[in-house]
Amino acid sequence: MSEFAPVRDWPTDIHVHIQPWERMRPAARAAIERSRDDLDLIRSLQADPLALVEWLDRERIGRIAVINYVAPDIMGFQSDVNPWCASYRDRAKGRVLAFGGIHPPTCRDIESEMKYLLQDLKLDGIKIHPPHQNLGADAYRTGECPSLAKVYEACAEAKVPVMFHTGTSVFPGARSRLGDALVLDDVAIDFPTLPIIMAHGGRPLWSEQAFFVMRRHKNVWLDLSGIPPKSILESFPRLAEIGDRVLFGTDWPSPGVKSIRKNLDEFLGLPLTAELLDRVTRTNALRLFPIT
């Protein structure tokens, strides 16, 4: 097997939360830990990217996107998750995409921080989590946080995707109201060259809004993470119409997601064409994140 064969030939999970749990607020960490019976596995993967590579080989997964973000008040994560995530990726033999973040209300110099994230750390994506950051995706328009526009401008110029959490969250203190997927209609209008990934498809309240945004804006991609595979076609019965910009993801090890491989196998069992299944699980991710 060549070095890049797993990345080319096996599916990508675009949404996995490998994170430094020791930096989380205790209440947020407890919300995850009490729902898991695989904590030893999770901790071993957090500690060692090479253990992750071996595990991906066993599970026949090509790449995962490791999702981290800055949410100091609700989740506890500070900006030091960014070098942690970049270092983890760099040690994972091409099998990891690194998503980091920024919290503009508490960042003194947005432009310098974005240069650090995109040019120095070379992050593959930026994660904005409105319910966990208590920050609307449109805060640059409302006047709540005008500097948020600088984040989008920097990512648009660098052609680095911004992933937005859409949908509800059960973590303590999370502001689920801010997860409305329709807000991204404004972001896509104002930043038409910005690659946008709409995580979770607005689950469970805003799937119709998410589908509208997807059909209207060609710079928006949909990530299916956090939606039980058996419910995907209930949420998106016309999935085939947007299939060239849909990405498979799980949200593992968030509460309710027991296994990446189990979710993948259930998704592959849906009554969709083989071509569409391959696009969603493999080739769309290769288009958005080519092998370099």
Protein backbone atom coordinates (compact mmCIF):
# COMPACT_ATOMS: atom_id res chain seq x y z
CA MET A 1 0.00 0.00 0.00
CA SER A 2 1.46 3.38 -1.02
CA GLU A 3 1.77 6.24 1.47
CA PHE A 4 -1.35 8.03 0.20
CA ALA A 5 -3.46 5.00 -0.68
CA PRO A 6 -5.58 5.11 2.50
CA VAL A 7 -6.32 8.80 1.95
CA ARG A 8 -7.31 8.26 -1.68
CA ASP A 9 -9.12 4.95 -1.34
CA TRP A 10 -10.78 4.98 2.08
CA PRO A 11 -13.49 7.31 3.42
CA THR A 12 -12.89 10.59 5.25
CA ASP A 13 -14.65 11.55 8.47
CA ILE A 14 -14.74 15.33 8.30
CA HIS A 15 -15.79 15.89 11.92
CA VAL A 16 -14.00 14.16 14.82
CA HIS A 17 -13.36 15.72 18.23
CA ILE A 18 -9.88 14.61 19.17
CA GLN A 19 -9.14 17.31 21.73
CA PRO A 20 -6.99 17.95 24.82
CA TRP A 21 -9.67 17.10 27.36
CA GLU A 22 -7.48 18.24 30.25
CA ARG A 23 -8.08 21.80 29.03
CA MET A 24 -11.88 21.51 29.09
CA ARG A 25 -14.15 22.82 31.81
CA PRO A 26 -15.08 19.96 34.14
CA ALA A 27 -18.81 20.21 33.38
CA ALA A 28 -18.22 20.07 29.63
CA ARG A 29 -15.83 17.13 29.95
CA ALA A 30 -18.26 15.27 32.18
CA ALA A 31 -20.98 15.65 29.54
CA ILE A 32 -18.84 13.54 27.20
CA GLU A 33 -17.28 11.11 29.62
CA ARG A 34 -20.50 9.93 31.25
CA SER A 35 -21.83 8.79 27.86
CA ARG A 36 -18.77 6.77 26.80
CA ASP A 37 -17.65 3.20 27.42
CA ASP A 38 -14.52 3.63 25.27
CA LEU A 39 -12.63 6.22 27.31
CA ASP A 40 -9.36 4.26 27.28
CA LEU A 41 -9.39 4.23 23.47
CA ILE A 42 -10.19 7.93 23.24
CA ARG A 43 -7.44 8.87 25.69
CA SER A 44 -4.90 6.72 23.86
CA LEU A 45 -5.71 8.46 20.56
CA GLN A 46 -5.55 11.91 22.16
CA ALA A 47 -2.11 11.12 23.51
CA ASP A 48 -0.53 9.61 20.40
CA PRO A 49 -1.20 10.48 16.74
CA LEU A 50 0.60 7.31 15.66
CA ALA A 51 -1.86 5.26 17.70
CA LEU A 52 -4.56 7.09 15.76
CA VAL A 53 -2.96 6.10 12.45
CA GLU A 54 -2.92 2.43 13.48
CA TRP A 55 -6.53 2.66 14.59
CA LEU A 56 -7.60 4.30 11.31
CA ASP A 57 -5.93 1.45 9.44
CA ARG A 58 -7.87 -1.10 11.45
CA GLU A 59 -11.12 0.80 10.91
CA ARG A 60 -10.35 1.39 7.19
CA ILE A 61 -10.72 5.17 7.47
CA GLY A 62 -8.49 7.30 5.27
CA ARG A 63 -8.49 10.68 7.02
CA ILE A 64 -10.24 12.45 9.83
CA ALA A 65 -10.62 16.15 10.44
CA VAL A 66 -9.68 16.86 14.04
CA ILE A 67 -11.99 19.65 15.20
CA ASN A 68 -10.82 22.13 17.83
CA TYR A 69 -11.95 25.67 18.54
CA VAL A 70 -11.60 28.47 21.09
CA ALA A 71 -14.53 28.72 23.51
CA PRO A 72 -13.16 29.92 26.84
CA ASP A 73 -16.36 30.52 28.79
CA ILE A 74 -18.48 27.48 27.89
CA MET A 75 -16.00 24.75 26.92
CA GLY A 76 -12.82 26.12 28.48
CA PHE A 77 -10.66 25.88 25.35
CA GLN A 78 -8.17 28.72 24.90
CA SER A 79 -6.06 29.64 21.88
CA ASP A 80 -3.41 27.07 22.85
CA VAL A 81 -5.60 24.37 21.29
CA ASN A 82 -4.40 25.64 17.91
CA PRO A 83 -0.71 24.66 18.14
CA TRP A 84 -1.81 21.45 19.88
CA CYS A 85 -4.03 20.55 16.93
CA ALA A 86 -1.45 21.52 14.29
CA SER A 87 1.24 19.47 16.03
CA TYR A 88 -1.11 16.49 16.28
CA ARG A 89 -1.75 16.68 12.54
CA ASP A 90 1.93 17.03 11.70
CA ARG A 91 2.70 13.78 13.53
CA ALA A 92 -0.16 11.81 11.98
CA LYS A 93 1.42 10.87 8.62
CA GLY A 94 -1.04 12.76 6.41
CA ARG A 95 -4.11 11.16 7.99
CA VAL A 96 -5.38 14.23 9.85
CA LEU A 97 -6.84 17.58 8.82
CA ALA A 98 -6.43 20.19 11.56
CA PHE A 99 -9.26 22.59 12.36
CA GLY A 100 -8.53 25.26 14.95
CA GLY A 101 -10.25 28.44 15.96
CA ILE A 102 -10.36 31.97 17.22
CA HIS A 103 -12.65 33.82 19.61
CA PRO A 104 -12.70 37.40 18.27
CA PRO A 105 -14.27 39.03 21.36
CA THR A 106 -11.26 38.00 23.45
CA CYS A 107 -8.55 38.28 20.77
CA ARG A 108 -6.56 41.52 20.90
CA ASP A 109 -5.11 41.37 17.39
CA ILE A 110 -7.29 39.45 14.92
CA GLU A 111 -5.07 40.05 11.90
CA SER A 112 -1.91 38.80 13.61
CA GLU A 113 -3.72 35.78 15.05
CA MET A 114 -5.16 34.84 11.67
CA LYS A 115 -1.72 35.13 10.09
CA TYR A 116 -0.38 32.80 12.79
CA LEU A 117 -3.19 30.29 12.29
CA LEU A 118 -3.16 30.24 8.49
CA GLN A 119 0.47 30.92 7.59
CA ASP A 120 2.51 29.68 10.54
CA LEU A 121 0.41 26.76 11.76
CA LYS A 122 -1.09 26.20 8.31
CA LEU A 123 -4.39 25.04 9.73
CA ASP A 124 -6.62 23.23 7.26
CA GLY A 125 -9.77 24.92 8.52
CA ILE A 126 -11.20 27.27 11.12
CA LYS A 127 -14.12 26.27 13.35
CA ILE A 128 -16.71 28.80 14.48
CA HIS A 129 -19.11 27.39 17.07
CA PRO A 130 -21.80 30.00 17.78
CA PRO A 131 -23.58 28.12 20.62
CA HIS A 132 -20.30 27.38 22.43
CA GLN A 133 -18.64 30.73 21.70
CA ASN A 134 -21.79 32.74 22.50
CA LEU A 135 -21.16 34.51 19.20
CA GLY A 136 -23.49 34.67 16.24
CA ALA A 137 -22.04 33.73 12.87
CA ASP A 138 -23.36 37.12 11.68
CA ALA A 139 -21.97 39.13 14.62
CA TYR A 140 -20.01 41.24 12.14
CA ARG A 141 -23.36 42.47 10.74
CA THR A 142 -25.25 42.96 13.99
CA GLY A 143 -22.51 45.12 15.53
CA GLU A 144 -21.91 42.58 18.30
CA CYS A 145 -18.44 41.78 16.98
CA PRO A 146 -17.42 43.68 13.81
CA SER A 147 -13.93 42.13 13.91
CA LEU A 148 -15.41 38.72 13.04
CA ALA A 149 -15.38 39.89 9.43
CA LYS A 150 -11.57 39.87 9.53
CA VAL A 151 -11.64 36.14 10.24
CA TYR A 152 -13.81 35.47 7.21
CA GLU A 153 -11.77 37.80 5.01
CA ALA A 154 -8.51 36.10 5.94
CA CYS A 155 -9.91 32.63 5.30
CA ALA A 156 -11.48 33.69 2.00
CA GLU A 157 -8.15 35.11 0.82
CA ALA A 158 -6.30 31.94 1.86
CA LYS A 159 -9.09 29.68 0.53
CA VAL A 160 -9.25 27.96 3.92
CA PRO A 161 -12.71 26.64 4.83
CA VAL A 162 -14.61 27.91 7.83
CA MET A 163 -16.73 25.26 9.52
CA PHE A 164 -19.79 26.52 11.40
CA HIS A 165 -21.71 24.54 13.98
CA THR A 166 -25.37 24.62 13.05
CA GLY A 167 -28.05 23.07 15.20
CA THR A 168 -28.53 22.59 18.91
CA SER A 169 -26.05 21.66 21.63
CA VAL A 170 -26.63 19.94 24.96
CA PHE A 171 -23.40 21.08 26.64
CA PRO A 172 -23.86 23.13 29.82
CA GLY A 173 -24.27 26.82 28.98
CA ALA A 174 -24.53 26.33 25.22
CA ARG A 175 -26.69 28.92 23.44
CA SER A 176 -28.58 26.76 20.96
CA ARG A 177 -30.50 29.71 19.51
CA LEU A 178 -27.26 30.73 17.81
CA GLY A 179 -27.18 27.48 15.82
CA ASP A 180 -29.80 28.55 13.26
CA ALA A 181 -28.48 27.46 9.84
CA LEU A 182 -30.25 30.27 7.98
CA VAL A 183 -27.80 32.80 9.42
CA LEU A 184 -25.19 31.36 7.04
CA ASP A 185 -27.21 32.74 4.14
CA ASP A 186 -25.90 36.18 5.12
CA VAL A 187 -22.33 34.94 5.56
CA ALA A 188 -22.39 33.26 2.14
CA ILE A 189 -23.75 36.45 0.51
CA ASP A 190 -21.20 38.72 2.16
CA PHE A 191 -18.23 36.37 1.57
CA PRO A 192 -18.99 34.59 -1.73
CA THR A 193 -15.45 33.22 -2.13
CA LEU A 194 -15.26 31.83 1.40
CA PRO A 195 -15.49 28.02 1.54
CA ILE A 196 -18.15 27.35 4.18
CA ILE A 197 -18.82 23.99 5.82
CA MET A 198 -22.21 23.83 7.51
CA ALA A 199 -21.66 21.23 10.23
CA HIS A 200 -24.53 19.00 11.37
CA GLY A 201 -27.02 20.31 8.80
CA GLY A 202 -28.87 22.34 11.43
CA ARG A 203 -29.81 19.20 13.36
CA PRO A 204 -32.51 18.67 14.53
CA LEU A 205 -34.45 21.93 14.10
CA TRP A 206 -33.09 23.66 11.02
CA SER A 207 -32.56 21.05 8.27
CA GLU A 208 -34.91 22.81 5.83
CA GLN A 209 -33.01 26.06 6.31
CA ALA A 210 -29.72 24.21 5.80
CA PHE A 211 -30.97 22.70 2.54
CA PHE A 212 -32.06 26.12 1.30
CA VAL A 213 -28.65 27.61 2.05
CA MET A 214 -26.95 24.70 0.28
CA ARG A 215 -29.03 25.04 -2.87
CA ARG A 216 -28.59 28.81 -3.01
CA HIS A 217 -24.84 29.10 -2.40
CA LYS A 218 -22.24 27.07 -4.26
CA ASN A 219 -19.53 28.04 -1.76
CA VAL A 220 -21.36 26.15 1.02
CA TRP A 221 -20.75 22.49 1.88
CA LEU A 222 -22.81 20.30 4.20
CA ASP A 223 -21.30 18.01 6.83
CA LEU A 224 -23.60 15.22 8.02
CA SER A 225 -21.97 14.77 11.41
CA GLY A 226 -24.17 14.40 14.45
CA ILE A 227 -27.15 13.16 12.41
CA PRO A 228 -27.91 9.46 13.01
CA PRO A 229 -27.41 7.77 9.62
CA LYS A 230 -30.93 6.32 9.70
CA SER A 231 -32.29 9.89 9.96
CA ILE A 232 -30.24 11.51 7.20
CA LEU A 233 -32.78 10.95 4.44
CA GLU A 234 -35.56 12.13 6.74
CA SER A 235 -33.69 15.38 7.27
CA PHE A 236 -32.47 15.63 3.66
CA PRO A 237 -34.77 13.61 1.37
CA ARG A 238 -33.31 15.45 -1.66
CA LEU A 239 -29.71 14.79 -0.68
CA ALA A 240 -28.80 13.83 -4.26
CA GLU A 241 -29.50 17.39 -5.44
CA ILE A 242 -26.62 18.72 -3.35
CA GLY A 243 -24.51 15.56 -3.38
CA ASP A 244 -21.45 17.18 -4.94
CA ARG A 245 -20.96 19.28 -1.76
CA VAL A 246 -21.94 16.87 1.01
CA LEU A 247 -19.30 15.47 3.38
CA PHE A 248 -19.55 12.42 5.60
CA GLY A 249 -18.84 13.07 9.27
CA THR A 250 -19.72 11.56 12.62
CA ASP A 251 -18.98 14.00 15.49
CA TRP A 252 -17.31 11.09 17.34
CA PRO A 253 -16.85 10.83 20.33
CA SER A 254 -19.63 13.27 21.13
CA PRO A 255 -22.57 11.92 23.13
CA GLY A 256 -24.69 9.55 21.07
CA VAL A 257 -22.00 8.67 18.49
CA LYS A 258 -20.72 5.25 19.47
CA SER A 259 -18.40 4.43 16.56
CA ILE A 260 -17.08 6.02 13.39
CA ARG A 261 -17.12 2.69 11.58
CA LYS A 262 -20.66 1.87 12.72
CA ASN A 263 -21.97 5.23 11.47
CA LEU A 264 -20.08 4.79 8.20
CA ASP A 265 -21.45 1.30 7.58
CA GLU A 266 -24.99 2.47 8.33
CA PHE A 267 -24.59 5.40 5.95
CA LEU A 268 -23.26 3.10 3.21
CA GLY A 269 -26.39 1.00 3.67
CA LEU A 270 -28.75 3.86 2.78
CA PRO A 271 -30.72 3.57 -0.50
CA LEU A 272 -28.43 5.91 -2.43
CA THR A 273 -26.47 5.30 -5.61
CA ALA A 274 -22.96 3.92 -5.34
CA GLU A 275 -21.68 7.07 -7.03
CA LEU A 276 -23.34 9.36 -4.47
CA LEU A 277 -22.15 7.26 -1.55
CA ASP A 278 -18.60 7.46 -2.86
CA ARG A 279 -18.83 11.21 -3.36
CA VAL A 280 -20.08 11.86 0.15
CA THR A 281 -17.68 9.53 1.93
CA ARG A 282 -14.55 9.98 -0.17
CA THR A 283 -14.20 12.09 -3.31
CA ASN A 284 -15.86 15.30 -2.12
CA ALA A 285 -13.36 15.53 0.75
CA LEU A 286 -10.52 14.94 -1.69
CA ARG A 287 -11.79 17.86 -3.79
CA LEU A 288 -12.09 20.22 -0.85
CA PHE A 289 -8.86 19.03 0.81
CA PRO A 290 -6.58 17.69 -1.96
CA ILE A 291 -3.56 15.56 -1.16
CA THR A 292 -0.48 17.78 -1.19
